[in-house]
Amino acid sequence: MLASFRLTLACAALAACPFMLDGCALAALPCRATSAVLKIVPVVGHAASTPFDACATAID
């Protein structure tokens, strides 16, 4: 039980780290990375990445 609590606490602290650091670029990184990966897809890549670009823009 104690190990489970420690793991949960460590995950929560790790998830909160990007928001405690200066600047929002680190918080927008998952959106930007997903967008870049989707843009590689030949036909629908740019259309599929549009929501992720909007997400990154909103965070910044």
PDB file of N, CA and C in Angstrom:
ATOM      1  N   MET A   1       0.828  -1.190   0.000  1.00  0.00           N
ATOM      2  CA  MET A   1       0.000   0.000   0.000  1.00  0.00           C
ATOM      3  C   MET A   1       0.873   1.256   0.000  1.00  0.00           C
ATOM      4  N   LEU A   2       1.933   1.260   0.797  1.00  0.00           N
ATOM      5  CA  LEU A   2       2.812   2.412   0.867  1.00  0.00           C
ATOM      6  C   LEU A   2       3.530   2.635  -0.459  1.00  0.00           C
ATOM      7  N   ALA A   3       3.925   1.554  -1.113  1.00  0.00           N
ATOM      8  CA  ALA A   3       4.600   1.677  -2.402  1.00  0.00           C
ATOM      9  C   ALA A   3       3.640   2.238  -3.459  1.00  0.00           C
ATOM     10  N   SER A   4       2.400   1.831  -3.409  1.00  0.00           N
ATOM     11  CA  SER A   4       1.404   2.338  -4.345  1.00  0.00           C
ATOM     12  C   SER A   4       1.179   3.833  -4.127  1.00  0.00           C
ATOM     13  N   PHE A   5       1.127   4.251  -2.883  1.00  0.00           N
ATOM     14  CA  PHE A   5       0.951   5.669  -2.576  1.00  0.00           C
ATOM     15  C   PHE A   5       2.152   6.478  -3.054  1.00  0.00           C
ATOM     16  N   ARG A   6       3.349   5.950  -2.848  1.00  0.00           N
ATOM     17  CA  ARG A   6       4.550   6.646  -3.300  1.00  0.00           C
ATOM     18  C   ARG A   6       4.582   6.765  -4.818  1.00  0.00           C
ATOM     19  N   LEU A   7       4.173   5.714  -5.495  1.00  0.00           N
ATOM     20  CA  LEU A   7       4.139   5.746  -6.950  1.00  0.00           C
ATOM     21  C   LEU A   7       3.130   6.784  -7.437  1.00  0.00           C
ATOM     22  N   THR A   8       1.971   6.820  -6.810  1.00  0.00           N
ATOM     23  CA  THR A   8       0.946   7.796  -7.174  1.00  0.00           C
ATOM     24  C   THR A   8       1.437   9.214  -6.920  1.00  0.00           C
ATOM     25  N   LEU A   9       2.068   9.427  -5.810  1.00  0.00           N
ATOM     26  CA  LEU A   9       2.604  10.744  -5.468  1.00  0.00           C
ATOM     27  C   LEU A   9       3.705  11.154  -6.440  1.00  0.00           C
ATOM     28  N   ALA A  10       4.567  10.228  -6.807  1.00  0.00           N
ATOM     29  CA  ALA A  10       5.640  10.527  -7.759  1.00  0.00           C
ATOM     30  C   ALA A  10       5.074  10.870  -9.130  1.00  0.00           C
ATOM     31  N   CYS A  11       4.053  10.150  -9.559  1.00  0.00           N
ATOM     32  CA  CYS A  11       3.427  10.439 -10.858  1.00  0.00           C
ATOM     33  C   CYS A  11       2.748  11.807 -10.845  1.00  0.00           C
ATOM     34  N   ALA A  12       2.089  12.140  -9.761  1.00  0.00           N
ATOM     35  CA  ALA A  12       1.433  13.443  -9.653  1.00  0.00           C
ATOM     36  C   ALA A  12       2.462  14.578  -9.665  1.00  0.00           C
ATOM     37  N   ALA A  13       3.566  14.380  -8.976  1.00  0.00           N
ATOM     38  CA  ALA A  13       4.618  15.397  -8.960  1.00  0.00           C
ATOM     39  C   ALA A  13       5.247  15.554 -10.334  1.00  0.00           C
ATOM     40  N   LEU A  14       5.449  14.454 -11.028  1.00  0.00           N
ATOM     41  CA  LEU A  14       6.020  14.508 -12.369  1.00  0.00           C
ATOM     42  C   LEU A  14       5.068  15.190 -13.351  1.00  0.00           C
ATOM     43  N   ALA A  15       3.790  14.939 -13.202  1.00  0.00           N
ATOM     44  CA  ALA A  15       2.805  15.565 -14.084  1.00  0.00           C
ATOM     45  C   ALA A  15       2.700  17.067 -13.820  1.00  0.00           C
ATOM     46  N   ALA A  16       2.961  17.500 -12.607  1.00  0.00           N
ATOM     47  CA  ALA A  16       2.858  18.914 -12.259  1.00  0.00           C
ATOM     48  C   ALA A  16       4.120  19.696 -12.608  1.00  0.00           C
ATOM     49  N   CYS A  17       5.217  19.022 -12.874  1.00  0.00           N
ATOM     50  CA  CYS A  17       6.486  19.703 -13.152  1.00  0.00           C
ATOM     51  C   CYS A  17       6.432  20.680 -14.320  1.00  0.00           C
ATOM     52  N   PRO A  18       5.864  20.327 -15.459  1.00  0.00           N
ATOM     53  CA  PRO A  18       5.865  21.297 -16.555  1.00  0.00           C
ATOM     54  C   PRO A  18       5.149  22.599 -16.214  1.00  0.00           C
ATOM     55  N   PHE A  19       4.150  22.541 -15.354  1.00  0.00           N
ATOM     56  CA  PHE A  19       3.395  23.734 -15.017  1.00  0.00           C
ATOM     57  C   PHE A  19       4.109  24.598 -13.978  1.00  0.00           C
ATOM     58  N   MET A  20       5.060  24.020 -13.254  1.00  0.00           N
ATOM     59  CA  MET A  20       5.797  24.790 -12.273  1.00  0.00           C
ATOM     60  C   MET A  20       7.005  25.474 -12.897  1.00  0.00           C
ATOM     61  N   LEU A  21       7.477  24.972 -14.033  1.00  0.00           N
ATOM     62  CA  LEU A  21       8.640  25.558 -14.679  1.00  0.00           C
ATOM     63  C   LEU A  21       8.254  26.851 -15.389  1.00  0.00           C
ATOM     64  N   ASP A  22       9.236  27.703 -15.560  1.00  0.00           N
ATOM     65  CA  ASP A  22       8.993  28.986 -16.212  1.00  0.00           C
ATOM     66  C   ASP A  22       8.725  28.776 -17.690  1.00  0.00           C
ATOM     67  N   GLY A  23       7.692  29.383 -18.191  1.00  0.00           N
ATOM     68  CA  GLY A  23       7.343  29.284 -19.601  1.00  0.00           C
ATOM     69  C   GLY A  23       6.360  28.170 -19.869  1.00  0.00           C
ATOM     70  N   CYS A  24       5.597  28.332 -20.908  1.00  0.00           N
ATOM     71  CA  CYS A  24       4.569  27.357 -21.246  1.00  0.00           C
ATOM     72  C   CYS A  24       5.007  26.421 -22.361  1.00  0.00           C
ATOM     73  N   ALA A  25       6.188  26.625 -22.895  1.00  0.00           N
ATOM     74  CA  ALA A  25       6.635  25.804 -24.017  1.00  0.00           C
ATOM     75  C   ALA A  25       6.736  24.335 -23.627  1.00  0.00           C
ATOM     76  N   LEU A  26       7.139  24.068 -22.412  1.00  0.00           N
ATOM     77  CA  LEU A  26       7.263  22.677 -21.973  1.00  0.00           C
ATOM     78  C   LEU A  26       5.888  22.041 -21.816  1.00  0.00           C
ATOM     79  N   ALA A  27       4.908  22.807 -21.404  1.00  0.00           N
ATOM     80  CA  ALA A  27       3.552  22.270 -21.273  1.00  0.00           C
ATOM     81  C   ALA A  27       2.930  22.016 -22.644  1.00  0.00           C
ATOM     82  N   ALA A  28       3.320  22.788 -23.651  1.00  0.00           N
ATOM     83  CA  ALA A  28       2.784  22.622 -25.004  1.00  0.00           C
ATOM     84  C   ALA A  28       3.534  21.566 -25.804  1.00  0.00           C
ATOM     85  N   LEU A  29       4.617  21.040 -25.253  1.00  0.00           N
ATOM     86  CA  LEU A  29       5.436  20.067 -25.980  1.00  0.00           C
ATOM     87  C   LEU A  29       4.663  18.839 -26.457  1.00  0.00           C
ATOM     88  N   PRO A  30       3.808  18.217 -25.644  1.00  0.00           N
ATOM     89  CA  PRO A  30       3.069  17.052 -26.164  1.00  0.00           C
ATOM     90  C   PRO A  30       2.178  17.386 -27.354  1.00  0.00           C
ATOM     91  N   CYS A  31       1.556  18.544 -27.337  1.00  0.00           N
ATOM     92  CA  CYS A  31       0.715  18.955 -28.473  1.00  0.00           C
ATOM     93  C   CYS A  31       1.563  19.168 -29.715  1.00  0.00           C
ATOM     94  N   ARG A  32       2.691  19.824 -29.554  1.00  0.00           N
ATOM     95  CA  ARG A  32       3.557  20.096 -30.702  1.00  0.00           C
ATOM     96  C   ARG A  32       4.175  18.815 -31.260  1.00  0.00           C
ATOM     97  N   ALA A  33       4.572  17.895 -30.391  1.00  0.00           N
ATOM     98  CA  ALA A  33       5.162  16.635 -30.848  1.00  0.00           C
ATOM     99  C   ALA A  33       4.133  15.793 -31.597  1.00  0.00           C
ATOM    100  N   THR A  34       2.919  15.728 -31.075  1.00  0.00           N
ATOM    101  CA  THR A  34       1.860  14.976 -31.752  1.00  0.00           C
ATOM    102  C   THR A  34       1.545  15.594 -33.100  1.00  0.00           C
ATOM    103  N   SER A  35       1.510  16.905 -33.165  1.00  0.00           N
ATOM    104  CA  SER A  35       1.246  17.594 -34.420  1.00  0.00           C
ATOM    105  C   SER A  35       2.333  17.297 -35.440  1.00  0.00           C
ATOM    106  N   ALA A  36       3.584  17.313 -35.017  1.00  0.00           N
ATOM    107  CA  ALA A  36       4.688  17.044 -35.938  1.00  0.00           C
ATOM    108  C   ALA A  36       4.644  15.615 -36.470  1.00  0.00           C
ATOM    109  N   VAL A  37       4.282  14.675 -35.611  1.00  0.00           N
ATOM    110  CA  VAL A  37       4.182  13.280 -36.052  1.00  0.00           C
ATOM    111  C   VAL A  37       3.034  13.111 -37.032  1.00  0.00           C
ATOM    112  N   LEU A  38       1.918  13.753 -36.776  1.00  0.00           N
ATOM    113  CA  LEU A  38       0.761  13.629 -37.673  1.00  0.00           C
ATOM    114  C   LEU A  38       1.009  14.267 -39.034  1.00  0.00           C
ATOM    115  N   LYS A  39       1.817  15.311 -39.080  1.00  0.00           N
ATOM    116  CA  LYS A  39       2.076  15.986 -40.347  1.00  0.00           C
ATOM    117  C   LYS A  39       2.870  15.111 -41.319  1.00  0.00           C
ATOM    118  N   ILE A  40       3.454  14.040 -40.827  1.00  0.00           N
ATOM    119  CA  ILE A  40       4.200  13.122 -41.681  1.00  0.00           C
ATOM    120  C   ILE A  40       3.255  12.272 -42.529  1.00  0.00           C
ATOM    121  N   VAL A  41       2.042  12.028 -42.046  1.00  0.00           N
ATOM    122  CA  VAL A  41       1.067  11.204 -42.760  1.00  0.00           C
ATOM    123  C   VAL A  41       0.724  11.886 -44.084  1.00  0.00           C
ATOM    124  N   PRO A  42       0.837  11.175 -45.213  1.00  0.00           N
ATOM    125  CA  PRO A  42       0.745  11.819 -46.522  1.00  0.00           C
ATOM    126  C   PRO A  42      -0.533  12.595 -46.834  1.00  0.00           C
ATOM    127  N   VAL A  43      -1.696  12.002 -46.753  1.00  0.00           N
ATOM    128  CA  VAL A  43      -2.890  12.658 -47.275  1.00  0.00           C
ATOM    129  C   VAL A  43      -3.606  13.506 -46.226  1.00  0.00           C
ATOM    130  N   VAL A  44      -3.804  12.962 -45.068  1.00  0.00           N
ATOM    131  CA  VAL A  44      -4.618  13.639 -44.050  1.00  0.00           C
ATOM    132  C   VAL A  44      -3.807  14.230 -42.910  1.00  0.00           C
ATOM    133  N   GLY A  45      -2.507  14.232 -43.032  1.00  0.00           N
ATOM    134  CA  GLY A  45      -1.643  14.653 -41.932  1.00  0.00           C
ATOM    135  C   GLY A  45      -1.867  16.068 -41.460  1.00  0.00           C
ATOM    136  N   HIS A  46      -1.900  17.006 -42.394  1.00  0.00           N
ATOM    137  CA  HIS A  46      -2.049  18.409 -41.993  1.00  0.00           C
ATOM    138  C   HIS A  46      -3.442  18.695 -41.426  1.00  0.00           C
ATOM    139  N   ALA A  47      -4.441  18.063 -41.971  1.00  0.00           N
ATOM    140  CA  ALA A  47      -5.791  18.259 -41.435  1.00  0.00           C
ATOM    141  C   ALA A  47      -5.925  17.644 -40.043  1.00  0.00           C
ATOM    142  N   ALA A  48      -5.299  16.499 -39.831  1.00  0.00           N
ATOM    143  CA  ALA A  48      -5.382  15.838 -38.528  1.00  0.00           C
ATOM    144  C   ALA A  48      -4.563  16.558 -37.466  1.00  0.00           C
ATOM    145  N   SER A  49      -3.547  17.284 -37.877  1.00  0.00           N
ATOM    146  CA  SER A  49      -2.699  17.974 -36.898  1.00  0.00           C
ATOM    147  C   SER A  49      -3.227  19.348 -36.500  1.00  0.00           C
ATOM    148  N   THR A  50      -4.232  19.841 -37.174  1.00  0.00           N
ATOM    149  CA  THR A  50      -4.777  21.176 -36.890  1.00  0.00           C
ATOM    150  C   THR A  50      -5.249  21.345 -35.446  1.00  0.00           C
ATOM    151  N   PRO A  51      -5.984  20.377 -34.866  1.00  0.00           N
ATOM    152  CA  PRO A  51      -6.391  20.560 -33.456  1.00  0.00           C
ATOM    153  C   PRO A  51      -5.205  20.597 -32.494  1.00  0.00           C
ATOM    154  N   PHE A  52      -4.159  19.861 -32.809  1.00  0.00           N
ATOM    155  CA  PHE A  52      -2.997  19.848 -31.931  1.00  0.00           C
ATOM    156  C   PHE A  52      -2.203  21.159 -32.050  1.00  0.00           C
ATOM    157  N   ASP A  53      -2.183  21.745 -33.244  1.00  0.00           N
ATOM    158  CA  ASP A  53      -1.576  23.074 -33.397  1.00  0.00           C
ATOM    159  C   ASP A  53      -2.361  24.114 -32.608  1.00  0.00           C
ATOM    160  N   ALA A  54      -3.678  24.009 -32.638  1.00  0.00           N
ATOM    161  CA  ALA A  54      -4.523  24.933 -31.877  1.00  0.00           C
ATOM    162  C   ALA A  54      -4.312  24.761 -30.381  1.00  0.00           C
ATOM    163  N   CYS A  55      -4.146  23.522 -29.956  1.00  0.00           N
ATOM    164  CA  CYS A  55      -3.888  23.240 -28.532  1.00  0.00           C
ATOM    165  C   CYS A  55      -2.576  23.903 -28.091  1.00  0.00           C
ATOM    166  N   ALA A  56      -1.536  23.736 -28.877  1.00  0.00           N
ATOM    167  CA  ALA A  56      -0.237  24.321 -28.529  1.00  0.00           C
ATOM    168  C   ALA A  56      -0.293  25.844 -28.529  1.00  0.00           C
ATOM    169  N   THR A  57      -1.028  26.400 -29.469  1.00  0.00           N
ATOM    170  CA  THR A  57      -1.179  27.855 -29.528  1.00  0.00           C
ATOM    171  C   THR A  57      -1.951  28.374 -28.317  1.00  0.00           C
ATOM    172  N   ALA A  58      -2.964  27.644 -27.906  1.00  0.00           N
ATOM    173  CA  ALA A  58      -3.746  28.062 -26.739  1.00  0.00           C
ATOM    174  C   ALA A  58      -2.919  28.009 -25.463  1.00  0.00           C
ATOM    175  N   ILE A  59      -2.053  27.019 -25.356  1.00  0.00           N
ATOM    176  CA  ILE A  59      -1.214  26.909 -24.157  1.00  0.00           C
ATOM    177  C   ILE A  59      -0.176  28.022 -24.133  1.00  0.00           C
ATOM    178  N   ASP A  60       0.405  28.319 -25.285  1.00  0.00           N
ATOM    179  CA  ASP A  60       1.415  29.383 -25.353  1.00  0.00           C
ATOM    180  C   ASP A  60       0.743  30.713 -25.167  1.00  0.00           C
TER     181      ASP A  60
END
